[in-house]
Amino acid sequence: ELYSALLELSHREGKLSLKGGVKYQWNTRASN
């Protein structure tokens, strides 16, 4: 089993779109 949390920002203007974010994953054995 695995849990996750995501935070993302995105910018869109005309034909260009940019996005960036972080995702944290964890369970009882490890995290990243």
ModelCIF file with pLDDT and N, C-alpha, C, O atoms, coordinates in Angstrom:
data_MODEL
#
_entry.id   MODEL 
#
_entity.id                         1 
_entity.type                       polymer 
_entity.pdbx_number_of_molecules   1 
#
_entity_poly.entity_id                      1 
_entity_poly.type                           'polypeptide(L)' 
_entity_poly.nstd_linkage                   no 
_entity_poly.nstd_monomer                   no 
_entity_poly.pdbx_seq_one_letter_code       ELYSALLELSHREGKLSLKGGVKYQWNTRASN 
_entity_poly.pdbx_seq_one_letter_code_can   ELYSALLELSHREGKLSLKGGVKYQWNTRASN 
_entity_poly.pdbx_strand_id                 A 
#
loop_
_entity_poly_seq.entity_id 
_entity_poly_seq.num 
_entity_poly_seq.mon_id 
_entity_poly_seq.hetero 
1 1  GLU n 
1 2  LEU n 
1 3  TYR n 
1 4  SER n 
1 5  ALA n 
1 6  LEU n 
1 7  LEU n 
1 8  GLU n 
1 9  LEU n 
1 10 SER n 
1 11 HIS n 
1 12 ARG n 
1 13 GLU n 
1 14 GLY n 
1 15 LYS n 
1 16 LEU n 
1 17 SER n 
1 18 LEU n 
1 19 LYS n 
1 20 GLY n 
1 21 GLY n 
1 22 VAL n 
1 23 LYS n 
1 24 TYR n 
1 25 GLN n 
1 26 TRP n 
1 27 ASN n 
1 28 THR n 
1 29 ARG n 
1 30 ALA n 
1 31 SER n 
1 32 ASN n 
#
_struct_asym.id          A 
_struct_asym.entity_id   1 
#
loop_
_ma_qa_metric.id 
_ma_qa_metric.mode 
_ma_qa_metric.name 
_ma_qa_metric.software_group_id 
_ma_qa_metric.type 
1 global pLDDT . pLDDT 
2 local  pLDDT . pLDDT 
#
_ma_qa_metric_global.metric_id      1 
_ma_qa_metric_global.metric_value   93.31 
_ma_qa_metric_global.model_id       1 
_ma_qa_metric_global.ordinal_id     1 
#
loop_
_ma_qa_metric_local.label_asym_id 
_ma_qa_metric_local.label_comp_id 
_ma_qa_metric_local.label_seq_id 
_ma_qa_metric_local.metric_id 
_ma_qa_metric_local.metric_value 
_ma_qa_metric_local.model_id 
_ma_qa_metric_local.ordinal_id 
A GLU 1  2 86.00 1 1  
A LEU 2  2 88.00 1 2  
A TYR 3  2 92.00 1 3  
A SER 4  2 93.00 1 4  
A ALA 5  2 96.00 1 5  
A LEU 6  2 96.00 1 6  
A LEU 7  2 97.00 1 7  
A GLU 8  2 97.00 1 8  
A LEU 9  2 98.00 1 9  
A SER 10 2 97.00 1 10 
A HIS 11 2 97.00 1 11 
A ARG 12 2 94.00 1 12 
A GLU 13 2 93.00 1 13 
A GLY 14 2 93.00 1 14 
A LYS 15 2 96.00 1 15 
A LEU 16 2 96.00 1 16 
A SER 17 2 96.00 1 17 
A LEU 18 2 97.00 1 18 
A LYS 19 2 97.00 1 19 
A GLY 20 2 98.00 1 20 
A GLY 21 2 97.00 1 21 
A VAL 22 2 97.00 1 22 
A LYS 23 2 94.00 1 23 
A TYR 24 2 95.00 1 24 
A GLN 25 2 91.00 1 25 
A TRP 26 2 92.00 1 26 
A ASN 27 2 88.00 1 27 
A THR 28 2 85.00 1 28 
A ARG 29 2 83.00 1 29 
A ALA 30 2 84.00 1 30 
A SER 31 2 91.00 1 31 
A ASN 32 2 92.00 1 32 
#
loop_
_atom_site.group_PDB 
_atom_site.id 
_atom_site.type_symbol 
_atom_site.label_atom_id 
_atom_site.label_alt_id 
_atom_site.label_comp_id 
_atom_site.label_asym_id 
_atom_site.label_entity_id 
_atom_site.label_seq_id 
_atom_site.pdbx_PDB_ins_code 
_atom_site.Cartn_x 
_atom_site.Cartn_y 
_atom_site.Cartn_z 
_atom_site.occupancy 
_atom_site.B_iso_or_equiv 
_atom_site.pdbx_formal_charge 
_atom_site.auth_seq_id 
_atom_site.auth_comp_id 
_atom_site.auth_asym_id 
_atom_site.auth_atom_id 
_atom_site.pdbx_PDB_model_num 
ATOM 1   N N  . GLU A 1 1  ? 0.851  -1.169 0.000   1.00 86.00 ? 1  GLU A N  1 
ATOM 2   C CA . GLU A 1 1  ? 0.000  0.000  0.000   1.00 86.00 ? 1  GLU A CA 1 
ATOM 3   C C  . GLU A 1 1  ? 0.895  1.230  0.000   1.00 86.00 ? 1  GLU A C  1 
ATOM 4   O O  . GLU A 1 1  ? 2.015  1.197  0.510   1.00 86.00 ? 1  GLU A O  1 
ATOM 5   N N  . LEU A 1 2  ? 0.392  2.309  -0.575  1.00 88.00 ? 2  LEU A N  1 
ATOM 6   C CA . LEU A 1 2  ? 1.202  3.503  -0.783  1.00 88.00 ? 2  LEU A CA 1 
ATOM 7   C C  . LEU A 1 2  ? 0.314  4.733  -0.639  1.00 88.00 ? 2  LEU A C  1 
ATOM 8   O O  . LEU A 1 2  ? -0.800 4.764  -1.162  1.00 88.00 ? 2  LEU A O  1 
ATOM 9   N N  . TYR A 1 3  ? 0.805  5.740  0.069   1.00 92.00 ? 3  TYR A N  1 
ATOM 10  C CA . TYR A 1 3  ? 0.118  7.015  0.217   1.00 92.00 ? 3  TYR A CA 1 
ATOM 11  C C  . TYR A 1 3  ? 0.897  8.068  -0.573  1.00 92.00 ? 3  TYR A C  1 
ATOM 12  O O  . TYR A 1 3  ? 2.108  7.934  -0.753  1.00 92.00 ? 3  TYR A O  1 
ATOM 13  N N  . SER A 1 4  ? 0.213  9.113  -1.045  1.00 93.00 ? 4  SER A N  1 
ATOM 14  C CA . SER A 1 4  ? 0.915  10.167 -1.774  1.00 93.00 ? 4  SER A CA 1 
ATOM 15  C C  . SER A 1 4  ? 0.254  11.519 -1.537  1.00 93.00 ? 4  SER A C  1 
ATOM 16  O O  . SER A 1 4  ? -0.943 11.610 -1.266  1.00 93.00 ? 4  SER A O  1 
ATOM 17  N N  . ALA A 1 5  ? 1.061  12.558 -1.646  1.00 96.00 ? 5  ALA A N  1 
ATOM 18  C CA . ALA A 1 5  ? 0.589  13.937 -1.566  1.00 96.00 ? 5  ALA A CA 1 
ATOM 19  C C  . ALA A 1 5  ? 1.270  14.706 -2.695  1.00 96.00 ? 5  ALA A C  1 
ATOM 20  O O  . ALA A 1 5  ? 2.479  14.582 -2.890  1.00 96.00 ? 5  ALA A O  1 
ATOM 21  N N  . LEU A 1 6  ? 0.500  15.497 -3.436  1.00 96.00 ? 6  LEU A N  1 
ATOM 22  C CA . LEU A 1 6  ? 1.004  16.233 -4.591  1.00 96.00 ? 6  LEU A CA 1 
ATOM 23  C C  . LEU A 1 6  ? 0.647  17.701 -4.448  1.00 96.00 ? 6  LEU A C  1 
ATOM 24  O O  . LEU A 1 6  ? -0.475 18.038 -4.069  1.00 96.00 ? 6  LEU A O  1 
ATOM 25  N N  . LEU A 1 7  ? 1.598  18.575 -4.751  1.00 97.00 ? 7  LEU A N  1 
ATOM 26  C CA . LEU A 1 7  ? 1.361  20.007 -4.840  1.00 97.00 ? 7  LEU A CA 1 
ATOM 27  C C  . LEU A 1 7  ? 1.936  20.468 -6.164  1.00 97.00 ? 7  LEU A C  1 
ATOM 28  O O  . LEU A 1 7  ? 3.104  20.219 -6.461  1.00 97.00 ? 7  LEU A O  1 
ATOM 29  N N  . GLU A 1 8  ? 1.108  21.147 -6.970  1.00 97.00 ? 8  GLU A N  1 
ATOM 30  C CA . GLU A 1 8  ? 1.530  21.545 -8.317  1.00 97.00 ? 8  GLU A CA 1 
ATOM 31  C C  . GLU A 1 8  ? 1.030  22.947 -8.624  1.00 97.00 ? 8  GLU A C  1 
ATOM 32  O O  . GLU A 1 8  ? -0.093 23.310 -8.274  1.00 97.00 ? 8  GLU A O  1 
ATOM 33  N N  . LEU A 1 9  ? 1.883  23.735 -9.285  1.00 98.00 ? 9  LEU A N  1 
ATOM 34  C CA . LEU A 1 9  ? 1.515  25.050 -9.802  1.00 98.00 ? 9  LEU A CA 1 
ATOM 35  C C  . LEU A 1 9  ? 1.618  25.010 -11.312 1.00 98.00 ? 9  LEU A C  1 
ATOM 36  O O  . LEU A 1 9  ? 2.517  24.369 -11.857 1.00 98.00 ? 9  LEU A O  1 
ATOM 37  N N  . SER A 1 10 ? 0.706  25.690 -11.996 1.00 97.00 ? 10 SER A N  1 
ATOM 38  C CA . SER A 1 10 ? 0.775  25.729 -13.453 1.00 97.00 ? 10 SER A CA 1 
ATOM 39  C C  . SER A 1 10 ? 0.456  27.141 -13.946 1.00 97.00 ? 10 SER A C  1 
ATOM 40  O O  . SER A 1 10 ? -0.344 27.864 -13.353 1.00 97.00 ? 10 SER A O  1 
ATOM 41  N N  . HIS A 1 11 ? 1.104  27.502 -15.038 1.00 97.00 ? 11 HIS A N  1 
ATOM 42  C CA . HIS A 1 11 ? 0.932  28.817 -15.653 1.00 97.00 ? 11 HIS A CA 1 
ATOM 43  C C  . HIS A 1 11 ? 0.631  28.594 -17.131 1.00 97.00 ? 11 HIS A C  1 
ATOM 44  O O  . HIS A 1 11 ? 1.330  27.837 -17.805 1.00 97.00 ? 11 HIS A O  1 
ATOM 45  N N  . ARG A 1 12 ? -0.406 29.252 -17.627 1.00 94.00 ? 12 ARG A N  1 
ATOM 46  C CA . ARG A 1 12 ? -0.777 29.104 -19.031 1.00 94.00 ? 12 ARG A CA 1 
ATOM 47  C C  . ARG A 1 12 ? -0.990 30.483 -19.622 1.00 94.00 ? 12 ARG A C  1 
ATOM 48  O O  . ARG A 1 12 ? -1.725 31.308 -19.079 1.00 94.00 ? 12 ARG A O  1 
ATOM 49  N N  . GLU A 1 13 ? -0.339 30.709 -20.733 1.00 93.00 ? 13 GLU A N  1 
ATOM 50  C CA . GLU A 1 13 ? -0.514 31.976 -21.439 1.00 93.00 ? 13 GLU A CA 1 
ATOM 51  C C  . GLU A 1 13 ? -0.329 31.734 -22.930 1.00 93.00 ? 13 GLU A C  1 
ATOM 52  O O  . GLU A 1 13 ? 0.761  31.378 -23.377 1.00 93.00 ? 13 GLU A O  1 
ATOM 53  N N  . GLY A 1 14 ? -1.387 31.927 -23.691 1.00 93.00 ? 14 GLY A N  1 
ATOM 54  C CA . GLY A 1 14 ? -1.328 31.691 -25.124 1.00 93.00 ? 14 GLY A CA 1 
ATOM 55  C C  . GLY A 1 14 ? -1.031 30.227 -25.422 1.00 93.00 ? 14 GLY A C  1 
ATOM 56  O O  . GLY A 1 14 ? -1.710 29.334 -24.914 1.00 93.00 ? 14 GLY A O  1 
ATOM 57  N N  . LYS A 1 15 ? -0.022 29.985 -26.243 1.00 96.00 ? 15 LYS A N  1 
ATOM 58  C CA . LYS A 1 15 ? 0.341  28.625 -26.646 1.00 96.00 ? 15 LYS A CA 1 
ATOM 59  C C  . LYS A 1 15 ? 1.304  27.940 -25.673 1.00 96.00 ? 15 LYS A C  1 
ATOM 60  O O  . LYS A 1 15 ? 1.608  26.758 -25.834 1.00 96.00 ? 15 LYS A O  1 
ATOM 61  N N  . LEU A 1 16 ? 1.785  28.675 -24.665 1.00 96.00 ? 16 LEU A N  1 
ATOM 62  C CA . LEU A 1 16 ? 2.778  28.156 -23.724 1.00 96.00 ? 16 LEU A CA 1 
ATOM 63  C C  . LEU A 1 16 ? 2.141  27.818 -22.387 1.00 96.00 ? 16 LEU A C  1 
ATOM 64  O O  . LEU A 1 16 ? 1.385  28.614 -21.830 1.00 96.00 ? 16 LEU A O  1 
ATOM 65  N N  . SER A 1 17 ? 2.448  26.640 -21.879 1.00 96.00 ? 17 SER A N  1 
ATOM 66  C CA . SER A 1 17 ? 2.028  26.278 -20.524 1.00 96.00 ? 17 SER A CA 1 
ATOM 67  C C  . SER A 1 17 ? 3.224  25.705 -19.780 1.00 96.00 ? 17 SER A C  1 
ATOM 68  O O  . SER A 1 17 ? 4.000  24.926 -20.332 1.00 96.00 ? 17 SER A O  1 
ATOM 69  N N  . LEU A 1 18 ? 3.362  26.098 -18.525 1.00 97.00 ? 18 LEU A N  1 
ATOM 70  C CA . LEU A 1 18 ? 4.441  25.640 -17.654 1.00 97.00 ? 18 LEU A CA 1 
ATOM 71  C C  . LEU A 1 18 ? 3.827  25.077 -16.388 1.00 97.00 ? 18 LEU A C  1 
ATOM 72  O O  . LEU A 1 18 ? 2.846  25.616 -15.875 1.00 97.00 ? 18 LEU A O  1 
ATOM 73  N N  . LYS A 1 19 ? 4.405  23.986 -15.879 1.00 97.00 ? 19 LYS A N  1 
ATOM 74  C CA . LYS A 1 19 ? 3.946  23.468 -14.598 1.00 97.00 ? 19 LYS A CA 1 
ATOM 75  C C  . LYS A 1 19 ? 5.127  22.897 -13.837 1.00 97.00 ? 19 LYS A C  1 
ATOM 76  O O  . LYS A 1 19 ? 6.103  22.430 -14.424 1.00 97.00 ? 19 LYS A O  1 
ATOM 77  N N  . GLY A 1 20 ? 5.018  22.946 -12.535 1.00 98.00 ? 20 GLY A N  1 
ATOM 78  C CA . GLY A 1 20 ? 6.046  22.400 -11.669 1.00 98.00 ? 20 GLY A CA 1 
ATOM 79  C C  . GLY A 1 20 ? 5.408  21.914 -10.393 1.00 98.00 ? 20 GLY A C  1 
ATOM 80  O O  . GLY A 1 20 ? 4.398  22.458 -9.947  1.00 98.00 ? 20 GLY A O  1 
ATOM 81  N N  . GLY A 1 21 ? 5.988  20.901 -9.810  1.00 97.00 ? 21 GLY A N  1 
ATOM 82  C CA . GLY A 1 21 ? 5.395  20.382 -8.587  1.00 97.00 ? 21 GLY A CA 1 
ATOM 83  C C  . GLY A 1 21 ? 6.278  19.396 -7.867  1.00 97.00 ? 21 GLY A C  1 
ATOM 84  O O  . GLY A 1 21 ? 7.339  19.000 -8.349  1.00 97.00 ? 21 GLY A O  1 
ATOM 85  N N  . VAL A 1 22 ? 5.806  19.013 -6.696  1.00 97.00 ? 22 VAL A N  1 
ATOM 86  C CA . VAL A 1 22 ? 6.471  17.997 -5.885  1.00 97.00 ? 22 VAL A CA 1 
ATOM 87  C C  . VAL A 1 22 ? 5.439  16.949 -5.484  1.00 97.00 ? 22 VAL A C  1 
ATOM 88  O O  . VAL A 1 22 ? 4.267  17.256 -5.267  1.00 97.00 ? 22 VAL A O  1 
ATOM 89  N N  . LYS A 1 23 ? 5.904  15.700 -5.391  1.00 94.00 ? 23 LYS A N  1 
ATOM 90  C CA . LYS A 1 23 ? 5.058  14.596 -4.948  1.00 94.00 ? 23 LYS A CA 1 
ATOM 91  C C  . LYS A 1 23 ? 5.811  13.825 -3.877  1.00 94.00 ? 23 LYS A C  1 
ATOM 92  O O  . LYS A 1 23 ? 6.945  13.397 -4.091  1.00 94.00 ? 23 LYS A O  1 
ATOM 93  N N  . TYR A 1 24 ? 5.181  13.652 -2.729  1.00 95.00 ? 24 TYR A N  1 
ATOM 94  C CA . TYR A 1 24 ? 5.750  12.877 -1.629  1.00 95.00 ? 24 TYR A CA 1 
ATOM 95  C C  . TYR A 1 24 ? 4.972  11.575 -1.537  1.00 95.00 ? 24 TYR A C  1 
ATOM 96  O O  . TYR A 1 24 ? 3.741  11.584 -1.516  1.00 95.00 ? 24 TYR A O  1 
ATOM 97  N N  . GLN A 1 25 ? 5.689  10.451 -1.480  1.00 91.00 ? 25 GLN A N  1 
ATOM 98  C CA . GLN A 1 25 ? 5.069  9.132  -1.369  1.00 91.00 ? 25 GLN A CA 1 
ATOM 99  C C  . GLN A 1 25 ? 5.602  8.446  -0.118  1.00 91.00 ? 25 GLN A C  1 
ATOM 100 O O  . GLN A 1 25 ? 6.771  8.618  0.227   1.00 91.00 ? 25 GLN A O  1 
ATOM 101 N N  . TRP A 1 26 ? 4.759  7.670  0.567   1.00 92.00 ? 26 TRP A N  1 
ATOM 102 C CA . TRP A 1 26 ? 5.222  6.973  1.755   1.00 92.00 ? 26 TRP A CA 1 
ATOM 103 C C  . TRP A 1 26 ? 4.374  5.736  2.017   1.00 92.00 ? 26 TRP A C  1 
ATOM 104 O O  . TRP A 1 26 ? 3.231  5.632  1.571   1.00 92.00 ? 26 TRP A O  1 
ATOM 105 N N  . ASN A 1 27 ? 4.967  4.805  2.753   1.00 88.00 ? 27 ASN A N  1 
ATOM 106 C CA . ASN A 1 27 ? 4.259  3.665  3.321   1.00 88.00 ? 27 ASN A CA 1 
ATOM 107 C C  . ASN A 1 27 ? 5.007  3.268  4.590   1.00 88.00 ? 27 ASN A C  1 
ATOM 108 O O  . ASN A 1 27 ? 5.821  4.049  5.084   1.00 88.00 ? 27 ASN A O  1 
ATOM 109 N N  . THR A 1 28 ? 4.757  2.089  5.126   1.00 85.00 ? 28 THR A N  1 
ATOM 110 C CA . THR A 1 28 ? 5.379  1.706  6.400   1.00 85.00 ? 28 THR A CA 1 
ATOM 111 C C  . THR A 1 28 ? 6.862  1.375  6.262   1.00 85.00 ? 28 THR A C  1 
ATOM 112 O O  . THR A 1 28 ? 7.572  1.324  7.266   1.00 85.00 ? 28 THR A O  1 
ATOM 113 N N  . ARG A 1 29 ? 7.343  1.149  5.037   1.00 83.00 ? 29 ARG A N  1 
ATOM 114 C CA . ARG A 1 29 ? 8.744  0.752  4.835   1.00 83.00 ? 29 ARG A CA 1 
ATOM 115 C C  . ARG A 1 29 ? 9.647  1.871  4.354   1.00 83.00 ? 29 ARG A C  1 
ATOM 116 O O  . ARG A 1 29 ? 10.835 1.876  4.676   1.00 83.00 ? 29 ARG A O  1 
ATOM 117 N N  . ALA A 1 30 ? 9.119  2.824  3.591   1.00 84.00 ? 30 ALA A N  1 
ATOM 118 C CA . ALA A 1 30 ? 9.994  3.818  2.958   1.00 84.00 ? 30 ALA A CA 1 
ATOM 119 C C  . ALA A 1 30 ? 9.195  5.062  2.577   1.00 84.00 ? 30 ALA A C  1 
ATOM 120 O O  . ALA A 1 30 ? 7.970  5.101  2.698   1.00 84.00 ? 30 ALA A O  1 
ATOM 121 N N  . SER A 1 31 ? 9.920  6.069  2.117   1.00 91.00 ? 31 SER A N  1 
ATOM 122 C CA . SER A 1 31 ? 9.287  7.274  1.578   1.00 91.00 ? 31 SER A CA 1 
ATOM 123 C C  . SER A 1 31 ? 10.216 7.869  0.528   1.00 91.00 ? 31 SER A C  1 
ATOM 124 O O  . SER A 1 31 ? 11.413 7.583  0.505   1.00 91.00 ? 31 SER A O  1 
ATOM 125 N N  . ASN A 1 32 ? 9.644  8.702  -0.343  1.00 92.00 ? 32 ASN A N  1 
ATOM 126 C CA . ASN A 1 32 ? 10.473 9.417  -1.307  1.00 92.00 ? 32 ASN A CA 1 
ATOM 127 C C  . ASN A 1 32 ? 9.778  10.714 -1.730  1.00 92.00 ? 32 ASN A C  1 
ATOM 128 O O  . ASN A 1 32 ? 10.316 11.465 -2.543  1.00 92.00 ? 32 ASN A O  1 
#
